[in-house]
């Protein structure tokens, strides 16, 4: 489903207006927090964000309690989570070396290994 900031569809309005009454969960993914319609943003209970560079997106996240320096300092695979129901704030990471997206064909011994290693010299830094 695609949504712009201009208007919400009838279905989206139903979710926003009546969904909480029935404890309806809704998951949205956006590359630009600032472009999510304000009626949806006002209903957010949790935000997960990776490194941000765009000032408009950072401003929108700062309004929700994230710090600009923390958003800009995140390394590849690191993310921040803020839960607005219980007030929790978490910094975590995923190990990108373990991710498999099913795009590689099965290896056989006659094919050279072309995988790239990830430099994790800075993985112990906080």
PDB file of N, CA and C in Angstrom:
ATOM      1  N   UNK A   1       0.850  -1.161   0.000  1.00  0.00           N
ATOM      2  CA  UNK A   1       0.000   0.000   0.000  1.00  0.00           C
ATOM      3  C   UNK A   1       0.900   1.229   0.000  1.00  0.00           C
ATOM      4  N   UNK A   2       0.593   2.176  -0.830  1.00  0.00           N
ATOM      5  CA  UNK A   2       1.359   3.412  -0.910  1.00  0.00           C
ATOM      6  C   UNK A   2       0.555   4.535  -0.269  1.00  0.00           C
ATOM      7  N   UNK A   3       1.228   5.373   0.465  1.00  0.00           N
ATOM      8  CA  UNK A   3       0.558   6.509   1.089  1.00  0.00           C
ATOM      9  C   UNK A   3       1.395   7.753   0.905  1.00  0.00           C
ATOM     10  N   UNK A   4       0.735   8.849   0.684  1.00  0.00           N
ATOM     11  CA  UNK A   4       1.429  10.122   0.611  1.00  0.00           C
ATOM     12  C   UNK A   4       1.017  10.965   1.806  1.00  0.00           C
ATOM     13  N   UNK A   5       1.621  12.131   1.920  1.00  0.00           N
ATOM     14  CA  UNK A   5       1.239  13.020   3.015  1.00  0.00           C
ATOM     15  C   UNK A   5      -0.023  13.797   2.685  1.00  0.00           C
ATOM     16  N   UNK A   6      -0.482  13.750   1.452  1.00  0.00           N
ATOM     17  CA  UNK A   6      -1.628  14.547   1.028  1.00  0.00           C
ATOM     18  C   UNK A   6      -2.943  14.057   1.626  1.00  0.00           C
ATOM     19  N   UNK A   7      -3.169  12.766   1.610  1.00  0.00           N
ATOM     20  CA  UNK A   7      -4.427  12.257   2.140  1.00  0.00           C
ATOM     21  C   UNK A   7      -4.270  10.794   2.517  1.00  0.00           C
ATOM     22  N   UNK A   8      -5.154  10.335   3.380  1.00  0.00           N
ATOM     23  CA  UNK A   8      -5.205   8.933   3.745  1.00  0.00           C
ATOM     24  C   UNK A   8      -6.367   8.283   3.004  1.00  0.00           C
ATOM     25  N   UNK A   9      -6.188   7.032   2.629  1.00  0.00           N
ATOM     26  CA  UNK A   9      -7.296   6.314   2.010  1.00  0.00           C
ATOM     27  C   UNK A   9      -8.355   6.023   3.070  1.00  0.00           C
ATOM     28  N   UNK A  10      -9.536   5.662   2.612  1.00  0.00           N
ATOM     29  CA  UNK A  10     -10.620   5.339   3.537  1.00  0.00           C
ATOM     30  C   UNK A  10     -10.197   4.204   4.473  1.00  0.00           C
ATOM     31  N   UNK A  11      -9.512   3.189   3.923  1.00  0.00           N
ATOM     32  CA  UNK A  11      -9.064   2.050   4.718  1.00  0.00           C
ATOM     33  C   UNK A  11      -8.070   2.473   5.793  1.00  0.00           C
ATOM     34  N   UNK A  12      -7.145   3.352   5.428  1.00  0.00           N
ATOM     35  CA  UNK A  12      -6.174   3.833   6.403  1.00  0.00           C
ATOM     36  C   UNK A  12      -6.857   4.636   7.506  1.00  0.00           C
ATOM     37  N   UNK A  13      -7.830   5.446   7.151  1.00  0.00           N
ATOM     38  CA  UNK A  13      -8.568   6.207   8.161  1.00  0.00           C
ATOM     39  C   UNK A  13      -9.254   5.273   9.145  1.00  0.00           C
ATOM     40  N   UNK A  14      -9.815   4.183   8.650  1.00  0.00           N
ATOM     41  CA  UNK A  14     -10.466   3.203   9.538  1.00  0.00           C
ATOM     42  C   UNK A  14      -9.472   2.611  10.517  1.00  0.00           C
ATOM     43  N   UNK A  15      -8.285   2.272  10.029  1.00  0.00           N
ATOM     44  CA  UNK A  15      -7.265   1.705  10.908  1.00  0.00           C
ATOM     45  C   UNK A  15      -6.867   2.716  11.973  1.00  0.00           C
ATOM     46  N   UNK A  16      -6.625   3.952  11.556  1.00  0.00           N
ATOM     47  CA  UNK A  16      -6.173   4.985  12.484  1.00  0.00           C
ATOM     48  C   UNK A  16      -7.261   5.337  13.493  1.00  0.00           C
ATOM     49  N   UNK A  17      -8.491   5.494  13.028  1.00  0.00           N
ATOM     50  CA  UNK A  17      -9.568   5.967  13.890  1.00  0.00           C
ATOM     51  C   UNK A  17     -10.142   4.886  14.806  1.00  0.00           C
ATOM     52  N   UNK A  18     -10.280   3.672  14.313  1.00  0.00           N
ATOM     53  CA  UNK A  18     -10.964   2.644  15.107  1.00  0.00           C
ATOM     54  C   UNK A  18     -10.084   1.466  15.486  1.00  0.00           C
ATOM     55  N   UNK A  19      -8.902   1.387  14.899  1.00  0.00           N
ATOM     56  CA  UNK A  19      -8.042   0.228  15.129  1.00  0.00           C
ATOM     57  C   UNK A  19      -7.630   0.036  16.568  1.00  0.00           C
ATOM     58  N   UNK A  20      -7.348   1.093  17.282  1.00  0.00           N
ATOM     59  CA  UNK A  20      -6.909   0.970  18.683  1.00  0.00           C
ATOM     60  C   UNK A  20      -8.004   0.422  19.571  1.00  0.00           C
ATOM     61  N   UNK A  21      -9.235   0.772  19.268  1.00  0.00           N
ATOM     62  CA  UNK A  21     -10.366   0.269  20.063  1.00  0.00           C
ATOM     63  C   UNK A  21     -10.372  -1.261  20.066  1.00  0.00           C
ATOM     64  N   UNK A  22      -9.979  -1.841  18.952  1.00  0.00           N
ATOM     65  CA  UNK A  22      -9.970  -3.293  18.806  1.00  0.00           C
ATOM     66  C   UNK A  22      -8.565  -3.877  18.952  1.00  0.00           C
ATOM     67  N   UNK A  23      -7.628  -3.073  19.433  1.00  0.00           N
ATOM     68  CA  UNK A  23      -6.229  -3.469  19.628  1.00  0.00           C
ATOM     69  C   UNK A  23      -5.612  -4.021  18.344  1.00  0.00           C
ATOM     70  N   UNK A  24      -5.896  -3.326  17.261  1.00  0.00           N
ATOM     71  CA  UNK A  24      -5.368  -3.700  15.962  1.00  0.00           C
ATOM     72  C   UNK A  24      -3.931  -3.209  15.842  1.00  0.00           C
ATOM     73  N   UNK A  25      -3.016  -4.106  15.494  1.00  0.00           N
ATOM     74  CA  UNK A  25      -1.619  -3.735  15.277  1.00  0.00           C
ATOM     75  C   UNK A  25      -1.424  -3.401  13.807  1.00  0.00           C
ATOM     76  N   UNK A  26      -0.575  -2.433  13.563  1.00  0.00           N
ATOM     77  CA  UNK A  26      -0.311  -1.978  12.203  1.00  0.00           C
ATOM     78  C   UNK A  26       1.184  -1.738  12.090  1.00  0.00           C
ATOM     79  N   UNK A  27       1.800  -2.330  11.106  1.00  0.00           N
ATOM     80  CA  UNK A  27       3.230  -2.170  10.888  1.00  0.00           C
ATOM     81  C   UNK A  27       3.430  -1.375   9.609  1.00  0.00           C
ATOM     82  N   UNK A  28       4.197  -0.312   9.703  1.00  0.00           N
ATOM     83  CA  UNK A  28       4.492   0.504   8.531  1.00  0.00           C
ATOM     84  C   UNK A  28       5.994   0.632   8.388  1.00  0.00           C
ATOM     85  N   UNK A  29       6.448   0.616   7.153  1.00  0.00           N
ATOM     86  CA  UNK A  29       7.869   0.781   6.869  1.00  0.00           C
ATOM     87  C   UNK A  29       8.005   1.957   5.913  1.00  0.00           C
ATOM     88  N   UNK A  30       8.895   2.858   6.256  1.00  0.00           N
ATOM     89  CA  UNK A  30       9.097   4.043   5.427  1.00  0.00           C
ATOM     90  C   UNK A  30      10.572   4.388   5.403  1.00  0.00           C
ATOM     91  N   UNK A  31      11.037   4.842   4.271  1.00  0.00           N
ATOM     92  CA  UNK A  31      12.406   5.308   4.189  1.00  0.00           C
ATOM     93  C   UNK A  31      12.524   6.759   4.626  1.00  0.00           C
ATOM     94  N   UNK A  32      11.390   7.445   4.731  1.00  0.00           N
ATOM     95  CA  UNK A  32      11.414   8.855   5.101  1.00  0.00           C
ATOM     96  C   UNK A  32      10.324   9.129   6.125  1.00  0.00           C
ATOM     97  N   UNK A  33      10.716   9.132   7.380  1.00  0.00           N
ATOM     98  CA  UNK A  33       9.789   9.359   8.490  1.00  0.00           C
ATOM     99  C   UNK A  33       8.986  10.639   8.318  1.00  0.00           C
ATOM    100  N   UNK A  34       9.624  11.672   7.796  1.00  0.00           N
ATOM    101  CA  UNK A  34       8.959  12.959   7.653  1.00  0.00           C
ATOM    102  C   UNK A  34       7.827  12.936   6.626  1.00  0.00           C
ATOM    103  N   UNK A  35       7.775  11.914   5.774  1.00  0.00           N
ATOM    104  CA  UNK A  35       6.731  11.832   4.758  1.00  0.00           C
ATOM    105  C   UNK A  35       5.543  10.967   5.176  1.00  0.00           C
ATOM    106  N   UNK A  36       5.592  10.395   6.364  1.00  0.00           N
ATOM    107  CA  UNK A  36       4.451   9.623   6.857  1.00  0.00           C
ATOM    108  C   UNK A  36       3.365  10.619   7.270  1.00  0.00           C
ATOM    109  N   UNK A  37       2.157  10.359   6.878  1.00  0.00           N
ATOM    110  CA  UNK A  37       1.040  11.253   7.189  1.00  0.00           C
ATOM    111  C   UNK A  37       0.965  11.485   8.699  1.00  0.00           C
ATOM    112  N   UNK A  38       0.688  12.727   9.091  1.00  0.00           N
ATOM    113  CA  UNK A  38       0.682  13.070  10.515  1.00  0.00           C
ATOM    114  C   UNK A  38      -0.353  12.271  11.312  1.00  0.00           C
ATOM    115  N   UNK A  39      -1.452  11.875  10.708  1.00  0.00           N
ATOM    116  CA  UNK A  39      -2.451  11.079  11.432  1.00  0.00           C
ATOM    117  C   UNK A  39      -1.896   9.694  11.772  1.00  0.00           C
ATOM    118  N   UNK A  40      -0.997   9.191  10.962  1.00  0.00           N
ATOM    119  CA  UNK A  40      -0.333   7.924  11.283  1.00  0.00           C
ATOM    120  C   UNK A  40       0.793   8.151  12.284  1.00  0.00           C
ATOM    121  N   UNK A  41       1.593   9.195  12.075  1.00  0.00           N
ATOM    122  CA  UNK A  41       2.715   9.486  12.989  1.00  0.00           C
ATOM    123  C   UNK A  41       2.223   9.672  14.419  1.00  0.00           C
ATOM    124  N   UNK A  42       1.078  10.310  14.585  1.00  0.00           N
ATOM    125  CA  UNK A  42       0.553  10.561  15.930  1.00  0.00           C
ATOM    126  C   UNK A  42       0.108   9.297  16.644  1.00  0.00           C
ATOM    127  N   UNK A  43      -0.043   8.203  15.927  1.00  0.00           N
ATOM    128  CA  UNK A  43      -0.476   6.943  16.519  1.00  0.00           C
ATOM    129  C   UNK A  43       0.681   5.967  16.770  1.00  0.00           C
ATOM    130  N   UNK A  44       1.901   6.350  16.431  1.00  0.00           N
ATOM    131  CA  UNK A  44       3.037   5.441  16.566  1.00  0.00           C
ATOM    132  C   UNK A  44       3.279   5.064  18.021  1.00  0.00           C
ATOM    133  N   UNK A  45       3.530   3.787  18.243  1.00  0.00           N
ATOM    134  CA  UNK A  45       3.881   3.321  19.583  1.00  0.00           C
ATOM    135  C   UNK A  45       5.346   2.902  19.663  1.00  0.00           C
ATOM    136  N   UNK A  46       5.975   2.709  18.495  1.00  0.00           N
ATOM    137  CA  UNK A  46       7.382   2.313  18.485  1.00  0.00           C
ATOM    138  C   UNK A  46       8.003   2.736  17.162  1.00  0.00           C
ATOM    139  N   UNK A  47       9.251   3.189  17.234  1.00  0.00           N
ATOM    140  CA  UNK A  47      10.004   3.542  16.027  1.00  0.00           C
ATOM    141  C   UNK A  47      11.339   2.813  16.075  1.00  0.00           C
ATOM    142  N   UNK A  48      11.683   2.197  14.949  1.00  0.00           N
ATOM    143  CA  UNK A  48      12.996   1.580  14.757  1.00  0.00           C
ATOM    144  C   UNK A  48      13.653   2.349  13.621  1.00  0.00           C
ATOM    145  N   UNK A  49      14.876   2.827  13.839  1.00  0.00           N
ATOM    146  CA  UNK A  49      15.551   3.599  12.801  1.00  0.00           C
ATOM    147  C   UNK A  49      17.015   3.210  12.694  1.00  0.00           C
ATOM    148  N   UNK A  50      17.496   3.207  11.476  1.00  0.00           N
ATOM    149  CA  UNK A  50      18.903   2.995  11.201  1.00  0.00           C
ATOM    150  C   UNK A  50      19.568   4.362  11.028  1.00  0.00           C
ATOM    151  N   UNK A  51      20.811   4.404  10.626  1.00  0.00           N
ATOM    152  CA  UNK A  51      21.567   5.654  10.454  1.00  0.00           C
ATOM    153  C   UNK A  51      20.804   6.613   9.548  1.00  0.00           C
ATOM    154  N   UNK A  52      20.790   7.867   9.946  1.00  0.00           N
ATOM    155  CA  UNK A  52      20.113   8.905   9.170  1.00  0.00           C
ATOM    156  C   UNK A  52      21.086  10.025   8.860  1.00  0.00           C
ATOM    157  N   UNK A  53      20.957  10.604   7.681  1.00  0.00           N
ATOM    158  CA  UNK A  53      21.784  11.730   7.257  1.00  0.00           C
ATOM    159  C   UNK A  53      20.932  12.929   6.855  1.00  0.00           C
ATOM    160  N   UNK A  54      19.728  12.692   6.386  1.00  0.00           N
ATOM    161  CA  UNK A  54      18.870  13.765   5.888  1.00  0.00           C
ATOM    162  C   UNK A  54      18.306  14.581   7.046  1.00  0.00           C
ATOM    163  N   UNK A  55      18.503  15.890   7.003  1.00  0.00           N
ATOM    164  CA  UNK A  55      18.094  16.772   8.106  1.00  0.00           C
ATOM    165  C   UNK A  55      16.583  16.749   8.344  1.00  0.00           C
ATOM    166  N   UNK A  56      15.777  16.658   7.287  1.00  0.00           N
ATOM    167  CA  UNK A  56      14.322  16.610   7.468  1.00  0.00           C
ATOM    168  C   UNK A  56      13.892  15.362   8.235  1.00  0.00           C
ATOM    169  N   UNK A  57      14.507  14.241   7.923  1.00  0.00           N
ATOM    170  CA  UNK A  57      14.181  12.991   8.617  1.00  0.00           C
ATOM    171  C   UNK A  57      14.671  13.067  10.064  1.00  0.00           C
ATOM    172  N   UNK A  58      15.871  13.587  10.247  1.00  0.00           N
ATOM    173  CA  UNK A  58      16.422  13.731  11.600  1.00  0.00           C
ATOM    174  C   UNK A  58      15.532  14.643  12.437  1.00  0.00           C
ATOM    175  N   UNK A  59      15.063  15.735  11.857  1.00  0.00           N
ATOM    176  CA  UNK A  59      14.170  16.640  12.589  1.00  0.00           C
ATOM    177  C   UNK A  59      12.903  15.929  13.040  1.00  0.00           C
ATOM    178  N   UNK A  60      12.326  15.116  12.149  1.00  0.00           N
ATOM    179  CA  UNK A  60      11.112  14.373  12.498  1.00  0.00           C
ATOM    180  C   UNK A  60      11.387  13.373  13.621  1.00  0.00           C
ATOM    181  N   UNK A  61      12.547  12.736  13.590  1.00  0.00           N
ATOM    182  CA  UNK A  61      12.901  11.781  14.637  1.00  0.00           C
ATOM    183  C   UNK A  61      13.246  12.492  15.950  1.00  0.00           C
ATOM    184  N   UNK A  62      13.856  13.668  15.861  1.00  0.00           N
ATOM    185  CA  UNK A  62      14.147  14.444  17.076  1.00  0.00           C
ATOM    186  C   UNK A  62      12.853  14.829  17.791  1.00  0.00           C
ATOM    187  N   UNK A  63      11.813  15.133  17.033  1.00  0.00           N
ATOM    188  CA  UNK A  63      10.511  15.444  17.632  1.00  0.00           C
ATOM    189  C   UNK A  63       9.965  14.259  18.427  1.00  0.00           C
ATOM    190  N   UNK A  64      10.454  13.075  18.126  1.00  0.00           N
ATOM    191  CA  UNK A  64      10.022  11.852  18.814  1.00  0.00           C
ATOM    192  C   UNK A  64      11.030  11.389  19.866  1.00  0.00           C
ATOM    193  N   UNK A  65      12.036  12.227  20.160  1.00  0.00           N
ATOM    194  CA  UNK A  65      12.943  11.925  21.254  1.00  0.00           C
ATOM    195  C   UNK A  65      14.288  11.333  20.887  1.00  0.00           C
ATOM    196  N   UNK A  66      14.591  11.191  19.606  1.00  0.00           N
ATOM    197  CA  UNK A  66      15.900  10.697  19.190  1.00  0.00           C
ATOM    198  C   UNK A  66      16.878  11.865  19.147  1.00  0.00           C
ATOM    199  N   UNK A  67      18.171  11.582  19.348  1.00  0.00           N
ATOM    200  CA  UNK A  67      19.202  12.611  19.294  1.00  0.00           C
ATOM    201  C   UNK A  67      19.911  12.563  17.947  1.00  0.00           C
ATOM    202  N   UNK A  68      20.105  13.750  17.359  1.00  0.00           N
ATOM    203  CA  UNK A  68      20.754  13.839  16.051  1.00  0.00           C
ATOM    204  C   UNK A  68      22.116  13.159  16.050  1.00  0.00           C
ATOM    205  N   UNK A  69      22.930  13.409  17.064  1.00  0.00           N
ATOM    206  CA  UNK A  69      24.273  12.820  17.092  1.00  0.00           C
ATOM    207  C   UNK A  69      24.212  11.298  17.128  1.00  0.00           C
ATOM    208  N   UNK A  70      23.239  10.752  17.844  1.00  0.00           N
ATOM    209  CA  UNK A  70      23.100   9.292  17.917  1.00  0.00           C
ATOM    210  C   UNK A  70      22.657   8.720  16.570  1.00  0.00           C
ATOM    211  N   UNK A  71      21.773   9.422  15.868  1.00  0.00           N
ATOM    212  CA  UNK A  71      21.298   8.965  14.562  1.00  0.00           C
ATOM    213  C   UNK A  71      22.414   8.976  13.523  1.00  0.00           C
ATOM    214  N   UNK A  72      23.245   9.999  13.571  1.00  0.00           N
ATOM    215  CA  UNK A  72      24.339  10.119  12.602  1.00  0.00           C
ATOM    216  C   UNK A  72      25.508   9.175  12.920  1.00  0.00           C
ATOM    217  N   UNK A  73      25.646   8.772  14.176  1.00  0.00           N
ATOM    218  CA  UNK A  73      26.783   7.951  14.599  1.00  0.00           C
ATOM    219  C   UNK A  73      26.571   6.450  14.394  1.00  0.00           C
ATOM    220  N   UNK A  74      25.367   6.045  14.054  1.00  0.00           N
ATOM    221  CA  UNK A  74      25.113   4.613  13.885  1.00  0.00           C
ATOM    222  C   UNK A  74      25.959   4.040  12.754  1.00  0.00           C
ATOM    223  N   UNK A  75      26.499   2.856  13.000  1.00  0.00           N
ATOM    224  CA  UNK A  75      27.302   2.155  11.994  1.00  0.00           C
ATOM    225  C   UNK A  75      26.411   1.192  11.223  1.00  0.00           C
ATOM    226  N   UNK A  76      26.926   0.642  10.157  1.00  0.00           N
ATOM    227  CA  UNK A  76      26.178  -0.307   9.332  1.00  0.00           C
ATOM    228  C   UNK A  76      25.657  -1.452  10.200  1.00  0.00           C
ATOM    229  N   UNK A  77      24.358  -1.686  10.142  1.00  0.00           N
ATOM    230  CA  UNK A  77      23.734  -2.759  10.911  1.00  0.00           C
ATOM    231  C   UNK A  77      23.229  -2.342  12.281  1.00  0.00           C
ATOM    232  N   UNK A  78      23.608  -1.163  12.765  1.00  0.00           N
ATOM    233  CA  UNK A  78      23.137  -0.693  14.067  1.00  0.00           C
ATOM    234  C   UNK A  78      21.820   0.058  13.907  1.00  0.00           C
ATOM    235  N   UNK A  79      20.995   0.006  14.940  1.00  0.00           N
ATOM    236  CA  UNK A  79      19.727   0.712  14.895  1.00  0.00           C
ATOM    237  C   UNK A  79      19.301   1.127  16.291  1.00  0.00           C
ATOM    238  N   UNK A  80      18.384   2.074  16.345  1.00  0.00           N
ATOM    239  CA  UNK A  80      17.812   2.555  17.601  1.00  0.00           C
ATOM    240  C   UNK A  80      16.329   2.224  17.621  1.00  0.00           C
ATOM    241  N   UNK A  81      15.824   1.895  18.805  1.00  0.00           N
ATOM    242  CA  UNK A  81      14.406   1.589  18.978  1.00  0.00           C
ATOM    243  C   UNK A  81      13.891   2.424  20.141  1.00  0.00           C
ATOM    244  N   UNK A  82      12.794   3.126  19.918  1.00  0.00           N
ATOM    245  CA  UNK A  82      12.141   3.878  20.998  1.00  0.00           C
ATOM    246  C   UNK A  82      10.700   3.395  21.081  1.00  0.00           C
ATOM    247  N   UNK A  83      10.328   2.929  22.276  1.00  0.00           N
ATOM    248  CA  UNK A  83       8.965   2.470  22.533  1.00  0.00           C
ATOM    249  C   UNK A  83       8.258   3.553  23.342  1.00  0.00           C
ATOM    250  N   UNK A  84       7.158   4.062  22.819  1.00  0.00           N
ATOM    251  CA  UNK A  84       6.457   5.168  23.465  1.00  0.00           C
ATOM    252  C   UNK A  84       5.448   4.694  24.503  1.00  0.00           C
ATOM    253  N   UNK A  85       5.156   3.402  24.533  1.00  0.00           N
ATOM    254  CA  UNK A  85       4.228   2.882  25.530  1.00  0.00           C
ATOM    255  C   UNK A  85       4.911   2.694  26.877  1.00  0.00           C
ATOM    256  N   UNK A  86       6.143   2.178  26.848  1.00  0.00           N
ATOM    257  CA  UNK A  86       6.830   1.935  28.125  1.00  0.00           C
ATOM    258  C   UNK A  86       8.059   2.823  28.324  1.00  0.00           C
ATOM    259  N   UNK A  87       8.357   3.692  27.357  1.00  0.00           N
ATOM    260  CA  UNK A  87       9.468   4.633  27.495  1.00  0.00           C
ATOM    261  C   UNK A  87      10.843   4.045  27.242  1.00  0.00           C
ATOM    262  N   UNK A  88      10.922   2.804  26.799  1.00  0.00           N
ATOM    263  CA  UNK A  88      12.234   2.187  26.604  1.00  0.00           C
ATOM    264  C   UNK A  88      12.933   2.730  25.364  1.00  0.00           C
ATOM    265  N   UNK A  89      14.258   2.709  25.427  1.00  0.00           N
ATOM    266  CA  UNK A  89      15.135   3.183  24.349  1.00  0.00           C
ATOM    267  C   UNK A  89      16.271   2.192  24.245  1.00  0.00           C
ATOM    268  N   UNK A  90      16.512   1.675  23.055  1.00  0.00           N
ATOM    269  CA  UNK A  90      17.477   0.604  22.881  1.00  0.00           C
ATOM    270  C   UNK A  90      18.343   0.867  21.667  1.00  0.00           C
ATOM    271  N   UNK A  91      19.637   0.603  21.824  1.00  0.00           N
ATOM    272  CA  UNK A  91      20.546   0.587  20.682  1.00  0.00           C
ATOM    273  C   UNK A  91      20.952  -0.861  20.479  1.00  0.00           C
ATOM    274  N   UNK A  92      20.831  -1.347  19.258  1.00  0.00           N
ATOM    275  CA  UNK A  92      21.150  -2.742  18.971  1.00  0.00           C
ATOM    276  C   UNK A  92      21.754  -2.838  17.572  1.00  0.00           C
ATOM    277  N   UNK A  93      22.125  -4.036  17.184  1.00  0.00           N
ATOM    278  CA  UNK A  93      22.677  -4.236  15.845  1.00  0.00           C
ATOM    279  C   UNK A  93      22.334  -5.623  15.349  1.00  0.00           C
ATOM    280  N   UNK A  94      22.400  -5.761  14.044  1.00  0.00           N
ATOM    281  CA  UNK A  94      22.229  -7.060  13.421  1.00  0.00           C
ATOM    282  C   UNK A  94      23.554  -7.440  12.787  1.00  0.00           C
ATOM    283  N   UNK A  95      23.839  -8.719  12.767  1.00  0.00           N
ATOM    284  CA  UNK A  95      25.082  -9.197  12.184  1.00  0.00           C
ATOM    285  C   UNK A  95      24.841  -9.408  10.692  1.00  0.00           C
ATOM    286  N   UNK A  96      25.313  -8.479   9.891  1.00  0.00           N
ATOM    287  CA  UNK A  96      25.069  -8.533   8.450  1.00  0.00           C
ATOM    288  C   UNK A  96      25.807  -9.678   7.774  1.00  0.00           C
ATOM    289  N   UNK A  97      26.809 -10.213   8.423  1.00  0.00           N
ATOM    290  CA  UNK A  97      27.547 -11.333   7.826  1.00  0.00           C
ATOM    291  C   UNK A  97      26.704 -12.588   7.781  1.00  0.00           C
ATOM    292  N   UNK A  98      25.697 -12.687   8.633  1.00  0.00           N
ATOM    293  CA  UNK A  98      24.881 -13.893   8.717  1.00  0.00           C
ATOM    294  C   UNK A  98      23.624 -13.823   7.849  1.00  0.00           C
ATOM    295  N   UNK A  99      23.398 -12.716   7.179  1.00  0.00           N
ATOM    296  CA  UNK A  99      22.172 -12.544   6.412  1.00  0.00           C
ATOM    297  C   UNK A  99      22.270 -13.266   5.075  1.00  0.00           C
ATOM    298  N   UNK A 100      21.230 -13.987   4.732  1.00  0.00           N
ATOM    299  CA  UNK A 100      21.127 -14.647   3.440  1.00  0.00           C
ATOM    300  C   UNK A 100      19.779 -14.293   2.849  1.00  0.00           C
ATOM    301  N   UNK A 101      19.772 -13.770   1.663  1.00  0.00           N
ATOM    302  CA  UNK A 101      18.540 -13.312   1.045  1.00  0.00           C
ATOM    303  C   UNK A 101      18.077 -14.233  -0.072  1.00  0.00           C
ATOM    304  N   UNK A 102      18.721 -15.417  -0.207  1.00  0.00           N
ATOM    305  CA  UNK A 102      18.301 -16.365  -1.222  1.00  0.00           C
ATOM    306  C   UNK A 102      18.678 -15.948  -2.636  1.00  0.00           C
ATOM    307  N   UNK A 103      19.598 -15.015  -2.775  1.00  0.00           N
ATOM    308  CA  UNK A 103      19.976 -14.545  -4.100  1.00  0.00           C
ATOM    309  C   UNK A 103      21.145 -15.330  -4.676  1.00  0.00           C
ATOM    310  N   UNK A 104      21.890 -15.996  -3.830  1.00  0.00           N
ATOM    311  CA  UNK A 104      23.062 -16.745  -4.287  1.00  0.00           C
ATOM    312  C   UNK A 104      22.654 -18.160  -4.663  1.00  0.00           C
ATOM    313  N   UNK A 105      23.225 -18.639  -5.733  1.00  0.00           N
ATOM    314  CA  UNK A 105      22.995 -20.035  -6.081  1.00  0.00           C
ATOM    315  C   UNK A 105      23.849 -20.901  -5.157  1.00  0.00           C
ATOM    316  N   UNK A 106      23.462 -22.147  -4.955  1.00  0.00           N
ATOM    317  CA  UNK A 106      24.263 -23.017  -4.083  1.00  0.00           C
ATOM    318  C   UNK A 106      25.689 -23.122  -4.602  1.00  0.00           C
ATOM    319  N   UNK A 107      26.634 -23.067  -3.673  1.00  0.00           N
ATOM    320  CA  UNK A 107      28.047 -23.157  -4.050  1.00  0.00           C
ATOM    321  C   UNK A 107      28.390 -24.595  -4.408  1.00  0.00           C
ATOM    322  N   UNK A 108      29.252 -24.732  -5.375  1.00  0.00           N
ATOM    323  CA  UNK A 108      29.875 -26.029  -5.595  1.00  0.00           C
ATOM    324  C   UNK A 108      31.378 -25.809  -5.614  1.00  0.00           C
ATOM    325  N   UNK A 109      32.109 -26.857  -5.490  1.00  0.00           N
ATOM    326  CA  UNK A 109      33.554 -26.744  -5.327  1.00  0.00           C
ATOM    327  C   UNK A 109      34.268 -26.150  -6.537  1.00  0.00           C
ATOM    328  N   UNK A 110      33.623 -26.165  -7.703  1.00  0.00           N
ATOM    329  CA  UNK A 110      34.299 -25.641  -8.881  1.00  0.00           C
ATOM    330  C   UNK A 110      34.160 -24.128  -9.014  1.00  0.00           C
ATOM    331  N   UNK A 111      33.292 -23.505  -8.191  1.00  0.00           N
ATOM    332  CA  UNK A 111      33.122 -22.056  -8.252  1.00  0.00           C
ATOM    333  C   UNK A 111      34.008 -21.389  -7.202  1.00  0.00           C
ATOM    334  N   UNK A 112      34.695 -20.304  -7.593  1.00  0.00           N
ATOM    335  CA  UNK A 112      35.520 -19.588  -6.607  1.00  0.00           C
ATOM    336  C   UNK A 112      34.632 -18.876  -5.593  1.00  0.00           C
ATOM    337  N   UNK A 113      35.142 -18.723  -4.384  1.00  0.00           N
ATOM    338  CA  UNK A 113      34.426 -17.997  -3.339  1.00  0.00           C
ATOM    339  C   UNK A 113      34.609 -16.502  -3.581  1.00  0.00           C
ATOM    340  N   UNK A 114      33.509 -15.814  -3.918  1.00  0.00           N
ATOM    341  CA  UNK A 114      33.587 -14.382  -4.205  1.00  0.00           C
ATOM    342  C   UNK A 114      32.935 -13.544  -3.109  1.00  0.00           C
ATOM    343  N   UNK A 115      32.610 -14.174  -1.986  1.00  0.00           N
ATOM    344  CA  UNK A 115      31.969 -13.420  -0.904  1.00  0.00           C
ATOM    345  C   UNK A 115      32.964 -12.450  -0.288  1.00  0.00           C
ATOM    346  N   UNK A 116      32.432 -11.324   0.195  1.00  0.00           N
ATOM    347  CA  UNK A 116      33.269 -10.306   0.811  1.00  0.00           C
ATOM    348  C   UNK A 116      33.172 -10.423   2.321  1.00  0.00           C
ATOM    349  N   UNK A 117      34.300 -10.247   2.975  1.00  0.00           N
ATOM    350  CA  UNK A 117      34.268 -10.266   4.430  1.00  0.00           C
ATOM    351  C   UNK A 117      33.957  -8.877   4.942  1.00  0.00           C
ATOM    352  N   UNK A 118      33.356  -8.824   6.117  1.00  0.00           N
ATOM    353  CA  UNK A 118      33.021  -7.558   6.749  1.00  0.00           C
ATOM    354  C   UNK A 118      34.078  -7.249   7.780  1.00  0.00           C
ATOM    355  N   UNK A 119      34.658  -6.057   7.701  1.00  0.00           N
ATOM    356  CA  UNK A 119      35.668  -5.626   8.667  1.00  0.00           C
ATOM    357  C   UNK A 119      34.954  -5.281   9.960  1.00  0.00           C
ATOM    358  N   UNK A 120      35.227  -6.048  11.019  1.00  0.00           N
ATOM    359  CA  UNK A 120      34.544  -5.781  12.286  1.00  0.00           C
ATOM    360  C   UNK A 120      35.500  -5.309  13.371  1.00  0.00           C
ATOM    361  N   UNK A 121      36.552  -4.600  12.930  1.00  0.00           N
ATOM    362  CA  UNK A 121      37.503  -4.049  13.911  1.00  0.00           C
ATOM    363  C   UNK A 121      36.820  -3.105  14.873  1.00  0.00           C
ATOM    364  N   UNK A 122      35.766  -2.412  14.426  1.00  0.00           N
ATOM    365  CA  UNK A 122      35.101  -1.437  15.285  1.00  0.00           C
ATOM    366  C   UNK A 122      33.845  -2.016  15.923  1.00  0.00           C
ATOM    367  N   UNK A 123      33.667  -3.339  15.857  1.00  0.00           N
ATOM    368  CA  UNK A 123      32.437  -3.935  16.400  1.00  0.00           C
ATOM    369  C   UNK A 123      32.368  -3.882  17.918  1.00  0.00           C
ATOM    370  N   UNK A 124      33.480  -3.655  18.592  1.00  0.00           N
ATOM    371  CA  UNK A 124      33.461  -3.596  20.061  1.00  0.00           C
ATOM    372  C   UNK A 124      33.311  -2.180  20.586  1.00  0.00           C
ATOM    373  N   UNK A 125      33.265  -1.205  19.688  1.00  0.00           N
ATOM    374  CA  UNK A 125      33.128   0.172  20.111  1.00  0.00           C
ATOM    375  C   UNK A 125      31.684   0.466  20.496  1.00  0.00           C
ATOM    376  N   UNK A 126      31.494   1.329  21.453  1.00  0.00           N
ATOM    377  CA  UNK A 126      30.144   1.736  21.844  1.00  0.00           C
ATOM    378  C   UNK A 126      29.902   3.161  21.433  1.00  0.00           C
TER     379      UNK A 126
END
